[in-house]
Amino acid sequence: QVQLVESGGGLVQPGGSLRLSCAASGRTFSSYTMGWFRQAPGKEREFVAAISGSTNYADSVKGRFIISRDNAKNTVYLQMNSLKPEDTAVYYCAAGAGGSWNFKVAYWGQGTQVTVSS
């Protein structure tokens, strides 16, 4: 069992930056593929980024967002730059199997709200 706790969400102006963090419990963090998803109001949850031995990004965030992990701290990060109003969503951390290109989620965090607005 893995528990995931996100932090770092908030309100930011267009063009600004935020860094999300996700702290994971358990001793086998390094063996999991980790990722981020988001869900905007009235829309389905969508993939944002994943990291295993490599990284993978949704086209909508490529070049603006960076996913990274610190296995010593059991933490995965999502650095979000050049934020747009359409990035507004609840962001969910996820852990699972497969590589970053075929990520199969087994565990979800509770989500953190990101709002991009002037």
PDB file of N, CA and C in Angstrom:
ATOM      1  N   GLN A   1       0.845  -1.191   0.000  1.00  0.00           N
ATOM      2  CA  GLN A   1       0.000   0.000   0.000  1.00  0.00           C
ATOM      3  C   GLN A   1       0.887   1.250   0.000  1.00  0.00           C
ATOM      4  N   VAL A   2       0.527   2.199  -0.820  1.00  0.00           N
ATOM      5  CA  VAL A   2       1.258   3.455  -0.925  1.00  0.00           C
ATOM      6  C   VAL A   2       0.291   4.596  -0.667  1.00  0.00           C
ATOM      7  N   GLN A   3       0.671   5.503   0.187  1.00  0.00           N
ATOM      8  CA  GLN A   3      -0.122   6.713   0.411  1.00  0.00           C
ATOM      9  C   GLN A   3       0.613   7.905  -0.191  1.00  0.00           C
ATOM     10  N   LEU A   4      -0.139   8.728  -0.881  1.00  0.00           N
ATOM     11  CA  LEU A   4       0.428   9.868  -1.598  1.00  0.00           C
ATOM     12  C   LEU A   4      -0.215  11.149  -1.096  1.00  0.00           C
ATOM     13  N   VAL A   5       0.601  12.138  -0.766  1.00  0.00           N
ATOM     14  CA  VAL A   5       0.098  13.410  -0.254  1.00  0.00           C
ATOM     15  C   VAL A   5       0.703  14.548  -1.079  1.00  0.00           C
ATOM     16  N   GLU A   6      -0.175  15.255  -1.800  1.00  0.00           N
ATOM     17  CA  GLU A   6       0.274  16.371  -2.628  1.00  0.00           C
ATOM     18  C   GLU A   6       0.297  17.678  -1.831  1.00  0.00           C
ATOM     19  N   SER A   7       1.131  18.591  -2.272  1.00  0.00           N
ATOM     20  CA  SER A   7       1.163  19.939  -1.717  1.00  0.00           C
ATOM     21  C   SER A   7       1.698  20.889  -2.785  1.00  0.00           C
ATOM     22  N   GLY A   8       1.520  22.183  -2.543  1.00  0.00           N
ATOM     23  CA  GLY A   8       2.087  23.186  -3.433  1.00  0.00           C
ATOM     24  C   GLY A   8       1.117  23.864  -4.369  1.00  0.00           C
ATOM     25  N   GLY A   9      -0.133  23.449  -4.347  1.00  0.00           N
ATOM     26  CA  GLY A   9      -1.109  24.103  -5.202  1.00  0.00           C
ATOM     27  C   GLY A   9      -1.446  25.499  -4.702  1.00  0.00           C
ATOM     28  N   GLY A  10      -2.201  26.235  -5.520  1.00  0.00           N
ATOM     29  CA  GLY A  10      -2.603  27.572  -5.121  1.00  0.00           C
ATOM     30  C   GLY A  10      -3.047  28.402  -6.299  1.00  0.00           C
ATOM     31  N   LEU A  11      -3.132  29.700  -6.065  1.00  0.00           N
ATOM     32  CA  LEU A  11      -3.545  30.662  -7.089  1.00  0.00           C
ATOM     33  C   LEU A  11      -2.306  31.348  -7.650  1.00  0.00           C
ATOM     34  N   VAL A  12      -2.212  31.397  -8.961  1.00  0.00           N
ATOM     35  CA  VAL A  12      -1.074  32.028  -9.614  1.00  0.00           C
ATOM     36  C   VAL A  12      -1.564  32.780 -10.839  1.00  0.00           C
ATOM     37  N   GLN A  13      -0.882  33.863 -11.190  1.00  0.00           N
ATOM     38  CA  GLN A  13      -1.262  34.633 -12.371  1.00  0.00           C
ATOM     39  C   GLN A  13      -0.760  33.947 -13.635  1.00  0.00           C
ATOM     40  N   PRO A  14      -1.423  34.192 -14.752  1.00  0.00           N
ATOM     41  CA  PRO A  14      -0.930  33.643 -16.030  1.00  0.00           C
ATOM     42  C   PRO A  14       0.529  34.028 -16.258  1.00  0.00           C
ATOM     43  N   GLY A  15       1.292  33.060 -16.727  1.00  0.00           N
ATOM     44  CA  GLY A  15       2.716  33.271 -16.933  1.00  0.00           C
ATOM     45  C   GLY A  15       3.571  32.938 -15.731  1.00  0.00           C
ATOM     46  N   GLY A  16       2.933  32.701 -14.597  1.00  0.00           N
ATOM     47  CA  GLY A  16       3.650  32.393 -13.374  1.00  0.00           C
ATOM     48  C   GLY A  16       4.055  30.936 -13.271  1.00  0.00           C
ATOM     49  N   SER A  17       4.638  30.599 -12.127  1.00  0.00           N
ATOM     50  CA  SER A  17       5.135  29.249 -11.888  1.00  0.00           C
ATOM     51  C   SER A  17       4.657  28.722 -10.540  1.00  0.00           C
ATOM     52  N   LEU A  18       4.550  27.413 -10.464  1.00  0.00           N
ATOM     53  CA  LEU A  18       4.270  26.711  -9.213  1.00  0.00           C
ATOM     54  C   LEU A  18       5.038  25.405  -9.234  1.00  0.00           C
ATOM     55  N   ARG A  19       5.382  24.906  -8.051  1.00  0.00           N
ATOM     56  CA  ARG A  19       5.964  23.579  -7.950  1.00  0.00           C
ATOM     57  C   ARG A  19       5.104  22.732  -7.031  1.00  0.00           C
ATOM     58  N   LEU A  20       4.594  21.648  -7.582  1.00  0.00           N
ATOM     59  CA  LEU A  20       3.842  20.680  -6.793  1.00  0.00           C
ATOM     60  C   LEU A  20       4.788  19.612  -6.266  1.00  0.00           C
ATOM     61  N   SER A  21       4.482  19.139  -5.064  1.00  0.00           N
ATOM     62  CA  SER A  21       5.234  18.043  -4.464  1.00  0.00           C
ATOM     63  C   SER A  21       4.278  16.928  -4.088  1.00  0.00           C
ATOM     64  N   CYS A  22       4.782  15.718  -4.116  1.00  0.00           N
ATOM     65  CA  CYS A  22       3.984  14.560  -3.714  1.00  0.00           C
ATOM     66  C   CYS A  22       4.880  13.656  -2.871  1.00  0.00           C
ATOM     67  N   ALA A  23       4.542  13.546  -1.601  1.00  0.00           N
ATOM     68  CA  ALA A  23       5.294  12.697  -0.691  1.00  0.00           C
ATOM     69  C   ALA A  23       4.625  11.331  -0.598  1.00  0.00           C
ATOM     70  N   ALA A  24       5.410  10.292  -0.755  1.00  0.00           N
ATOM     71  CA  ALA A  24       4.889   8.930  -0.753  1.00  0.00           C
ATOM     72  C   ALA A  24       5.364   8.162   0.473  1.00  0.00           C
ATOM     73  N   SER A  25       4.474   7.327   0.991  1.00  0.00           N
ATOM     74  CA  SER A  25       4.862   6.443   2.080  1.00  0.00           C
ATOM     75  C   SER A  25       5.425   5.160   1.496  1.00  0.00           C
ATOM     76  N   GLY A  26       6.014   4.331   2.337  1.00  0.00           N
ATOM     77  CA  GLY A  26       6.475   3.030   1.882  1.00  0.00           C
ATOM     78  C   GLY A  26       7.953   2.993   1.580  1.00  0.00           C
ATOM     79  N   ARG A  27       8.480   1.782   1.527  1.00  0.00           N
ATOM     80  CA  ARG A  27       9.913   1.594   1.369  1.00  0.00           C
ATOM     81  C   ARG A  27      10.321   1.348  -0.074  1.00  0.00           C
ATOM     82  N   THR A  28       9.336   1.190  -0.957  1.00  0.00           N
ATOM     83  CA  THR A  28       9.659   0.784  -2.326  1.00  0.00           C
ATOM     84  C   THR A  28       9.361   1.879  -3.326  1.00  0.00           C
ATOM     85  N   PHE A  29       9.465   3.121  -2.885  1.00  0.00           N
ATOM     86  CA  PHE A  29       9.131   4.257  -3.750  1.00  0.00           C
ATOM     87  C   PHE A  29       9.899   4.205  -5.057  1.00  0.00           C
ATOM     88  N   SER A  30      11.167   3.879  -4.998  1.00  0.00           N
ATOM     89  CA  SER A  30      12.001   3.920  -6.193  1.00  0.00           C
ATOM     90  C   SER A  30      11.572   2.911  -7.247  1.00  0.00           C
ATOM     91  N   SER A  31      10.818   1.904  -6.863  1.00  0.00           N
ATOM     92  CA  SER A  31      10.386   0.881  -7.816  1.00  0.00           C
ATOM     93  C   SER A  31       9.125   1.283  -8.573  1.00  0.00           C
ATOM     94  N   TYR A  32       8.459   2.344  -8.160  1.00  0.00           N
ATOM     95  CA  TYR A  32       7.218   2.770  -8.798  1.00  0.00           C
ATOM     96  C   TYR A  32       7.471   3.791  -9.901  1.00  0.00           C
ATOM     97  N   THR A  33       6.689   3.669 -10.957  1.00  0.00           N
ATOM     98  CA  THR A  33       6.550   4.786 -11.877  1.00  0.00           C
ATOM     99  C   THR A  33       5.639   5.804 -11.194  1.00  0.00           C
ATOM    100  N   MET A  34       6.026   7.065 -11.267  1.00  0.00           N
ATOM    101  CA  MET A  34       5.251   8.138 -10.633  1.00  0.00           C
ATOM    102  C   MET A  34       4.745   9.099 -11.698  1.00  0.00           C
ATOM    103  N   GLY A  35       3.611   9.705 -11.406  1.00  0.00           N
ATOM    104  CA  GLY A  35       3.074  10.611 -12.406  1.00  0.00           C
ATOM    105  C   GLY A  35       2.126  11.633 -11.826  1.00  0.00           C
ATOM    106  N   TRP A  36       1.708  12.519 -12.705  1.00  0.00           N
ATOM    107  CA  TRP A  36       0.725  13.555 -12.368  1.00  0.00           C
ATOM    108  C   TRP A  36      -0.399  13.539 -13.406  1.00  0.00           C
ATOM    109  N   PHE A  37      -1.609  13.695 -12.912  1.00  0.00           N
ATOM    110  CA  PHE A  37      -2.796  13.840 -13.731  1.00  0.00           C
ATOM    111  C   PHE A  37      -3.521  15.095 -13.259  1.00  0.00           C
ATOM    112  N   ARG A  38      -4.462  15.562 -14.059  1.00  0.00           N
ATOM    113  CA  ARG A  38      -5.266  16.707 -13.633  1.00  0.00           C
ATOM    114  C   ARG A  38      -6.689  16.564 -14.124  1.00  0.00           C
ATOM    115  N   GLN A  39      -7.591  17.233 -13.404  1.00  0.00           N
ATOM    116  CA  GLN A  39      -9.000  17.204 -13.780  1.00  0.00           C
ATOM    117  C   GLN A  39      -9.582  18.592 -13.609  1.00  0.00           C
ATOM    118  N   ALA A  40     -10.011  19.166 -14.714  1.00  0.00           N
ATOM    119  CA  ALA A  40     -10.653  20.468 -14.708  1.00  0.00           C
ATOM    120  C   ALA A  40     -12.159  20.290 -14.518  1.00  0.00           C
ATOM    121  N   PRO A  41     -12.860  21.309 -14.044  1.00  0.00           N
ATOM    122  CA  PRO A  41     -14.302  21.194 -13.843  1.00  0.00           C
ATOM    123  C   PRO A  41     -15.024  20.773 -15.116  1.00  0.00           C
ATOM    124  N   GLY A  42     -15.846  19.756 -14.995  1.00  0.00           N
ATOM    125  CA  GLY A  42     -16.631  19.293 -16.130  1.00  0.00           C
ATOM    126  C   GLY A  42     -15.874  18.468 -17.143  1.00  0.00           C
ATOM    127  N   LYS A  43     -14.609  18.162 -16.841  1.00  0.00           N
ATOM    128  CA  LYS A  43     -13.800  17.385 -17.778  1.00  0.00           C
ATOM    129  C   LYS A  43     -13.299  16.102 -17.118  1.00  0.00           C
ATOM    130  N   GLU A  44     -12.856  15.180 -17.953  1.00  0.00           N
ATOM    131  CA  GLU A  44     -12.300  13.938 -17.437  1.00  0.00           C
ATOM    132  C   GLU A  44     -10.869  14.158 -16.947  1.00  0.00           C
ATOM    133  N   ARG A  45     -10.452  13.283 -16.058  1.00  0.00           N
ATOM    134  CA  ARG A  45      -9.072  13.332 -15.591  1.00  0.00           C
ATOM    135  C   ARG A  45      -8.142  13.003 -16.759  1.00  0.00           C
ATOM    136  N   GLU A  46      -7.059  13.783 -16.877  1.00  0.00           N
ATOM    137  CA  GLU A  46      -6.151  13.571 -17.990  1.00  0.00           C
ATOM    138  C   GLU A  46      -4.711  13.462 -17.510  1.00  0.00           C
ATOM    139  N   PHE A  47      -3.929  12.746 -18.287  1.00  0.00           N
ATOM    140  CA  PHE A  47      -2.508  12.556 -18.013  1.00  0.00           C
ATOM    141  C   PHE A  47      -1.764  13.865 -18.214  1.00  0.00           C
ATOM    142  N   VAL A  48      -0.791  14.117 -17.311  1.00  0.00           N
ATOM    143  CA  VAL A  48       0.058  15.294 -17.439  1.00  0.00           C
ATOM    144  C   VAL A  48       1.507  14.887 -17.692  1.00  0.00           C
ATOM    145  N   ALA A  49       2.051  14.051 -16.782  1.00  0.00           N
ATOM    146  CA  ALA A  49       3.459  13.672 -16.909  1.00  0.00           C
ATOM    147  C   ALA A  49       3.724  12.424 -16.086  1.00  0.00           C
ATOM    148  N   ALA A  50       4.756  11.684 -16.461  1.00  0.00           N
ATOM    149  CA  ALA A  50       5.159  10.499 -15.714  1.00  0.00           C
ATOM    150  C   ALA A  50       6.673  10.364 -15.760  1.00  0.00           C
ATOM    151  N   ILE A  51       7.203   9.661 -14.753  1.00  0.00           N
ATOM    152  CA  ILE A  51       8.648   9.458 -14.676  1.00  0.00           C
ATOM    153  C   ILE A  51       8.951   8.067 -14.141  1.00  0.00           C
ATOM    154  N   SER A  52       9.820   7.375 -14.859  1.00  0.00           N
ATOM    155  CA  SER A  52      10.382   6.120 -14.369  1.00  0.00           C
ATOM    156  C   SER A  52      11.878   6.241 -14.626  1.00  0.00           C
ATOM    157  N   GLY A  53      12.390   5.498 -15.577  1.00  0.00           N
ATOM    158  CA  GLY A  53      13.763   5.742 -16.003  1.00  0.00           C
ATOM    159  C   GLY A  53      13.820   6.869 -17.010  1.00  0.00           C
ATOM    160  N   SER A  54      12.695   7.196 -17.576  1.00  0.00           N
ATOM    161  CA  SER A  54      12.565   8.293 -18.528  1.00  0.00           C
ATOM    162  C   SER A  54      11.335   9.108 -18.143  1.00  0.00           C
ATOM    163  N   THR A  55      11.129  10.186 -18.873  1.00  0.00           N
ATOM    164  CA  THR A  55       9.963  11.025 -18.612  1.00  0.00           C
ATOM    165  C   THR A  55       9.059  11.079 -19.840  1.00  0.00           C
ATOM    166  N   ASN A  56       7.807  11.378 -19.590  1.00  0.00           N
ATOM    167  CA  ASN A  56       6.817  11.486 -20.656  1.00  0.00           C
ATOM    168  C   ASN A  56       5.863  12.604 -20.274  1.00  0.00           C
ATOM    169  N   TYR A  57       5.464  13.409 -21.253  1.00  0.00           N
ATOM    170  CA  TYR A  57       4.601  14.558 -20.999  1.00  0.00           C
ATOM    171  C   TYR A  57       3.449  14.592 -21.991  1.00  0.00           C
ATOM    172  N   ALA A  58       2.334  15.102 -21.511  1.00  0.00           N
ATOM    173  CA  ALA A  58       1.248  15.427 -22.425  1.00  0.00           C
ATOM    174  C   ALA A  58       1.684  16.569 -23.334  1.00  0.00           C
ATOM    175  N   ASP A  59       1.203  16.560 -24.560  1.00  0.00           N
ATOM    176  CA  ASP A  59       1.587  17.606 -25.507  1.00  0.00           C
ATOM    177  C   ASP A  59       1.249  19.000 -24.990  1.00  0.00           C
ATOM    178  N   SER A  60       0.174  19.107 -24.227  1.00  0.00           N
ATOM    179  CA  SER A  60      -0.286  20.413 -23.760  1.00  0.00           C
ATOM    180  C   SER A  60       0.656  21.057 -22.735  1.00  0.00           C
ATOM    181  N   VAL A  61       1.539  20.265 -22.126  1.00  0.00           N
ATOM    182  CA  VAL A  61       2.437  20.817 -21.108  1.00  0.00           C
ATOM    183  C   VAL A  61       3.899  20.684 -21.494  1.00  0.00           C
ATOM    184  N   LYS A  62       4.171  20.014 -22.587  1.00  0.00           N
ATOM    185  CA  LYS A  62       5.550  19.779 -23.002  1.00  0.00           C
ATOM    186  C   LYS A  62       6.266  21.112 -23.214  1.00  0.00           C
ATOM    187  N   GLY A  63       7.462  21.228 -22.641  1.00  0.00           N
ATOM    188  CA  GLY A  63       8.232  22.461 -22.743  1.00  0.00           C
ATOM    189  C   GLY A  63       7.930  23.465 -21.641  1.00  0.00           C
ATOM    190  N   ARG A  64       6.860  23.234 -20.878  1.00  0.00           N
ATOM    191  CA  ARG A  64       6.494  24.150 -19.780  1.00  0.00           C
ATOM    192  C   ARG A  64       6.593  23.481 -18.415  1.00  0.00           C
ATOM    193  N   PHE A  65       6.274  22.202 -18.346  1.00  0.00           N
ATOM    194  CA  PHE A  65       6.273  21.469 -17.081  1.00  0.00           C
ATOM    195  C   PHE A  65       7.468  20.517 -17.045  1.00  0.00           C
ATOM    196  N   ILE A  66       7.990  20.298 -15.830  1.00  0.00           N
ATOM    197  CA  ILE A  66       9.085  19.350 -15.645  1.00  0.00           C
ATOM    198  C   ILE A  66       8.762  18.447 -14.458  1.00  0.00           C
ATOM    199  N   ILE A  67       8.781  17.145 -14.697  1.00  0.00           N
ATOM    200  CA  ILE A  67       8.587  16.186 -13.622  1.00  0.00           C
ATOM    201  C   ILE A  67       9.951  15.669 -13.177  1.00  0.00           C
ATOM    202  N   SER A  68      10.101  15.510 -11.866  1.00  0.00           N
ATOM    203  CA  SER A  68      11.346  14.975 -11.325  1.00  0.00           C
ATOM    204  C   SER A  68      11.030  14.202 -10.051  1.00  0.00           C
ATOM    205  N   ARG A  69      12.000  13.447  -9.578  1.00  0.00           N
ATOM    206  CA  ARG A  69      11.788  12.666  -8.369  1.00  0.00           C
ATOM    207  C   ARG A  69      13.063  12.638  -7.551  1.00  0.00           C
ATOM    208  N   ASP A  70      12.884  12.511  -6.246  1.00  0.00           N
ATOM    209  CA  ASP A  70      13.990  12.347  -5.316  1.00  0.00           C
ATOM    210  C   ASP A  70      13.702  11.066  -4.541  1.00  0.00           C
ATOM    211  N   ASN A  71      14.340   9.986  -4.910  1.00  0.00           N
ATOM    212  CA  ASN A  71      14.041   8.698  -4.281  1.00  0.00           C
ATOM    213  C   ASN A  71      14.476   8.670  -2.813  1.00  0.00           C
ATOM    214  N   ALA A  72      15.475   9.460  -2.453  1.00  0.00           N
ATOM    215  CA  ALA A  72      15.908   9.505  -1.062  1.00  0.00           C
ATOM    216  C   ALA A  72      14.856  10.154  -0.167  1.00  0.00           C
ATOM    217  N   LYS A  73      14.042  11.020  -0.756  1.00  0.00           N
ATOM    218  CA  LYS A  73      12.996  11.704   0.000  1.00  0.00           C
ATOM    219  C   LYS A  73      11.606  11.145  -0.291  1.00  0.00           C
ATOM    220  N   ASN A  74      11.524  10.096  -1.106  1.00  0.00           N
ATOM    221  CA  ASN A  74      10.221   9.521  -1.480  1.00  0.00           C
ATOM    222  C   ASN A  74       9.273  10.593  -2.010  1.00  0.00           C
ATOM    223  N   THR A  75       9.783  11.448  -2.861  1.00  0.00           N
ATOM    224  CA  THR A  75       8.994  12.590  -3.323  1.00  0.00           C
ATOM    225  C   THR A  75       9.128  12.759  -4.828  1.00  0.00           C
ATOM    226  N   VAL A  76       8.015  13.093  -5.452  1.00  0.00           N
ATOM    227  CA  VAL A  76       8.001  13.445  -6.860  1.00  0.00           C
ATOM    228  C   VAL A  76       7.510  14.888  -6.975  1.00  0.00           C
ATOM    229  N   TYR A  77       8.051  15.592  -7.952  1.00  0.00           N
ATOM    230  CA  TYR A  77       7.744  17.015  -8.121  1.00  0.00           C
ATOM    231  C   TYR A  77       7.184  17.284  -9.509  1.00  0.00           C
ATOM    232  N   LEU A  78       6.434  18.362  -9.612  1.00  0.00           N
ATOM    233  CA  LEU A  78       6.010  18.856 -10.912  1.00  0.00           C
ATOM    234  C   LEU A  78       6.250  20.363 -10.915  1.00  0.00           C
ATOM    235  N   GLN A  79       7.275  20.781 -11.629  1.00  0.00           N
ATOM    236  CA  GLN A  79       7.560  22.198 -11.807  1.00  0.00           C
ATOM    237  C   GLN A  79       6.740  22.701 -12.977  1.00  0.00           C
ATOM    238  N   MET A  80       5.885  23.670 -12.716  1.00  0.00           N
ATOM    239  CA  MET A  80       4.983  24.185 -13.743  1.00  0.00           C
ATOM    240  C   MET A  80       5.346  25.634 -14.028  1.00  0.00           C
ATOM    241  N   ASN A  81       5.752  25.890 -15.258  1.00  0.00           N
ATOM    242  CA  ASN A  81       6.158  27.223 -15.687  1.00  0.00           C
ATOM    243  C   ASN A  81       5.226  27.733 -16.786  1.00  0.00           C
ATOM    244  N   SER A  82       5.264  29.022 -17.009  1.00  0.00           N
ATOM    245  CA  SER A  82       4.449  29.643 -18.066  1.00  0.00           C
ATOM    246  C   SER A  82       3.007  29.175 -17.980  1.00  0.00           C
ATOM    247  N   LEU A  83       2.464  29.239 -16.807  1.00  0.00           N
ATOM    248  CA  LEU A  83       1.113  28.712 -16.588  1.00  0.00           C
ATOM    249  C   LEU A  83       0.059  29.505 -17.343  1.00  0.00           C
ATOM    250  N   LYS A  84      -0.951  28.785 -17.801  1.00  0.00           N
ATOM    251  CA  LYS A  84      -2.049  29.353 -18.565  1.00  0.00           C
ATOM    252  C   LYS A  84      -3.362  29.117 -17.821  1.00  0.00           C
ATOM    253  N   PRO A  85      -4.372  29.917 -18.079  1.00  0.00           N
ATOM    254  CA  PRO A  85      -5.667  29.676 -17.427  1.00  0.00           C
ATOM    255  C   PRO A  85      -6.200  28.257 -17.669  1.00  0.00           C
ATOM    256  N   GLU A  86      -5.901  27.693 -18.826  1.00  0.00           N
ATOM    257  CA  GLU A  86      -6.370  26.336 -19.116  1.00  0.00           C
ATOM    258  C   GLU A  86      -5.635  25.259 -18.324  1.00  0.00           C
ATOM    259  N   ASP A  87      -4.610  25.632 -17.575  1.00  0.00           N
ATOM    260  CA  ASP A  87      -3.957  24.686 -16.665  1.00  0.00           C
ATOM    261  C   ASP A  87      -4.701  24.559 -15.342  1.00  0.00           C
ATOM    262  N   THR A  88      -5.712  25.393 -15.142  1.00  0.00           N
ATOM    263  CA  THR A  88      -6.497  25.339 -13.921  1.00  0.00           C
ATOM    264  C   THR A  88      -7.174  23.985 -13.775  1.00  0.00           C
ATOM    265  N   ALA A  89      -6.934  23.320 -12.654  1.00  0.00           N
ATOM    266  CA  ALA A  89      -7.462  21.972 -12.429  1.00  0.00           C
ATOM    267  C   ALA A  89      -7.055  21.505 -11.038  1.00  0.00           C
ATOM    268  N   VAL A  90      -7.645  20.399 -10.629  1.00  0.00           N
ATOM    269  CA  VAL A  90      -7.126  19.661  -9.483  1.00  0.00           C
ATOM    270  C   VAL A  90      -6.055  18.717 -10.016  1.00  0.00           C
ATOM    271  N   TYR A  91      -4.881  18.788  -9.414  1.00  0.00           N
ATOM    272  CA  TYR A  91      -3.757  17.961  -9.848  1.00  0.00           C
ATOM    273  C   TYR A  91      -3.592  16.791  -8.886  1.00  0.00           C
ATOM    274  N   TYR A  92      -3.500  15.596  -9.455  1.00  0.00           N
ATOM    275  CA  TYR A  92      -3.400  14.368  -8.679  1.00  0.00           C
ATOM    276  C   TYR A  92      -2.055  13.698  -8.912  1.00  0.00           C
ATOM    277  N   CYS A  93      -1.443  13.282  -7.834  1.00  0.00           N
ATOM    278  CA  CYS A  93      -0.239  12.462  -7.897  1.00  0.00           C
ATOM    279  C   CYS A  93      -0.665  11.002  -8.036  1.00  0.00           C
ATOM    280  N   ALA A  94       0.136  10.211  -8.740  1.00  0.00           N
ATOM    281  CA  ALA A  94      -0.189   8.812  -8.949  1.00  0.00           C
ATOM    282  C   ALA A  94       1.077   7.965  -8.900  1.00  0.00           C
ATOM    283  N   ALA A  95       0.903   6.734  -8.451  1.00  0.00           N
ATOM    284  CA  ALA A  95       1.999   5.759  -8.417  1.00  0.00           C
ATOM    285  C   ALA A  95       1.509   4.476  -9.070  1.00  0.00           C
ATOM    286  N   GLY A  96       2.405   3.806  -9.785  1.00  0.00           N
ATOM    287  CA  GLY A  96       1.969   2.574 -10.412  1.00  0.00           C
ATOM    288  C   GLY A  96       3.098   1.840 -11.089  1.00  0.00           C
ATOM    289  N   ALA A  97       2.706   1.057 -12.089  1.00  0.00           N
ATOM    290  CA  ALA A  97       3.649   0.190 -12.789  1.00  0.00           C
ATOM    291  C   ALA A  97       3.777   0.611 -14.248  1.00  0.00           C
ATOM    292  N   GLY A  98       4.647  -0.073 -14.944  1.00  0.00           N
ATOM    293  CA  GLY A  98       4.883   0.249 -16.338  1.00  0.00           C
ATOM    294  C   GLY A  98       5.898   1.361 -16.456  1.00  0.00           C
ATOM    295  N   GLY A  99       6.268   1.696 -17.658  1.00  0.00           N
ATOM    296  CA  GLY A  99       7.182   2.805 -17.868  1.00  0.00           C
ATOM    297  C   GLY A  99       6.439   4.111 -17.979  1.00  0.00           C
ATOM    298  N   SER A 100       7.173   5.191 -18.216  1.00  0.00           N
ATOM    299  CA  SER A 100       6.523   6.497 -18.290  1.00  0.00           C
ATOM    300  C   SER A 100       5.618   6.609 -19.514  1.00  0.00           C
ATOM    301  N   TRP A 101       5.785   5.709 -20.511  1.00  0.00           N
ATOM    302  CA  TRP A 101       4.974   5.761 -21.725  1.00  0.00           C
ATOM    303  C   TRP A 101       3.777   4.830 -21.662  1.00  0.00           C
ATOM    304  N   ASN A 102       3.705   3.926 -20.702  1.00  0.00           N
ATOM    305  CA  ASN A 102       2.560   3.019 -20.555  1.00  0.00           C
ATOM    306  C   ASN A 102       2.220   2.875 -19.082  1.00  0.00           C
ATOM    307  N   PHE A 103       2.041   4.011 -18.452  1.00  0.00           N
ATOM    308  CA  PHE A 103       1.855   4.121 -17.017  1.00  0.00           C
ATOM    309  C   PHE A 103       0.506   3.543 -16.617  1.00  0.00           C
ATOM    310  N   LYS A 104       0.523   2.591 -15.696  1.00  0.00           N
ATOM    311  CA  LYS A 104      -0.700   1.994 -15.172  1.00  0.00           C
ATOM    312  C   LYS A 104      -0.797   2.357 -13.694  1.00  0.00           C
ATOM    313  N   VAL A 105      -1.769   3.208 -13.379  1.00  0.00           N
ATOM    314  CA  VAL A 105      -1.883   3.760 -12.037  1.00  0.00           C
ATOM    315  C   VAL A 105      -2.462   2.731 -11.067  1.00  0.00           C
ATOM    316  N   ALA A 106      -1.815   2.626  -9.895  1.00  0.00           N
ATOM    317  CA  ALA A 106      -2.321   1.758  -8.843  1.00  0.00           C
ATOM    318  C   ALA A 106      -2.793   2.557  -7.622  1.00  0.00           C
ATOM    319  N   TYR A 107      -2.193   3.720  -7.416  1.00  0.00           N
ATOM    320  CA  TYR A 107      -2.515   4.536  -6.249  1.00  0.00           C
ATOM    321  C   TYR A 107      -2.661   6.000  -6.664  1.00  0.00           C
ATOM    322  N   TRP A 108      -3.608   6.672  -5.983  1.00  0.00           N
ATOM    323  CA  TRP A 108      -3.872   8.095  -6.237  1.00  0.00           C
ATOM    324  C   TRP A 108      -3.702   8.899  -4.956  1.00  0.00           C
ATOM    325  N   GLY A 109      -3.261  10.137  -5.115  1.00  0.00           N
ATOM    326  CA  GLY A 109      -3.314  11.084  -4.025  1.00  0.00           C
ATOM    327  C   GLY A 109      -4.681  11.738  -3.960  1.00  0.00           C
ATOM    328  N   GLN A 110      -4.847  12.650  -3.014  1.00  0.00           N
ATOM    329  CA  GLN A 110      -6.156  13.275  -2.807  1.00  0.00           C
ATOM    330  C   GLN A 110      -6.355  14.500  -3.698  1.00  0.00           C
ATOM    331  N   GLY A 111      -5.298  14.990  -4.289  1.00  0.00           N
ATOM    332  CA  GLY A 111      -5.399  16.116  -5.216  1.00  0.00           C
ATOM    333  C   GLY A 111      -5.084  17.450  -4.563  1.00  0.00           C
ATOM    334  N   THR A 112      -4.590  18.373  -5.374  1.00  0.00           N
ATOM    335  CA  THR A 112      -4.329  19.740  -4.926  1.00  0.00           C
ATOM    336  C   THR A 112      -4.791  20.702  -6.030  1.00  0.00           C
ATOM    337  N   GLN A 113      -5.459  21.768  -5.621  1.00  0.00           N
ATOM    338  CA  GLN A 113      -6.042  22.704  -6.581  1.00  0.00           C
ATOM    339  C   GLN A 113      -4.984  23.674  -7.101  1.00  0.00           C
ATOM    340  N   VAL A 114      -4.963  23.836  -8.408  1.00  0.00           N
ATOM    341  CA  VAL A 114      -4.147  24.854  -9.061  1.00  0.00           C
ATOM    342  C   VAL A 114      -5.086  25.756  -9.846  1.00  0.00           C
ATOM    343  N   THR A 115      -5.038  27.041  -9.553  1.00  0.00           N
ATOM    344  CA  THR A 115      -5.876  28.010 -10.249  1.00  0.00           C
ATOM    345  C   THR A 115      -4.990  29.069 -10.882  1.00  0.00           C
ATOM    346  N   VAL A 116      -5.136  29.236 -12.193  1.00  0.00           N
ATOM    347  CA  VAL A 116      -4.356  30.226 -12.934  1.00  0.00           C
ATOM    348  C   VAL A 116      -5.314  31.318 -13.381  1.00  0.00           C
ATOM    349  N   SER A 117      -5.176  32.480 -12.766  1.00  0.00           N
ATOM    350  CA  SER A 117      -6.116  33.565 -13.036  1.00  0.00           C
ATOM    351  C   SER A 117      -5.493  34.896 -12.642  1.00  0.00           C
ATOM    352  N   SER A 118      -5.879  35.928 -13.386  1.00  0.00           N
ATOM    353  CA  SER A 118      -5.427  37.274 -13.048  1.00  0.00           C
ATOM    354  C   SER A 118      -6.443  37.969 -12.146  1.00  0.00           C
TER     355      SER A 118
END
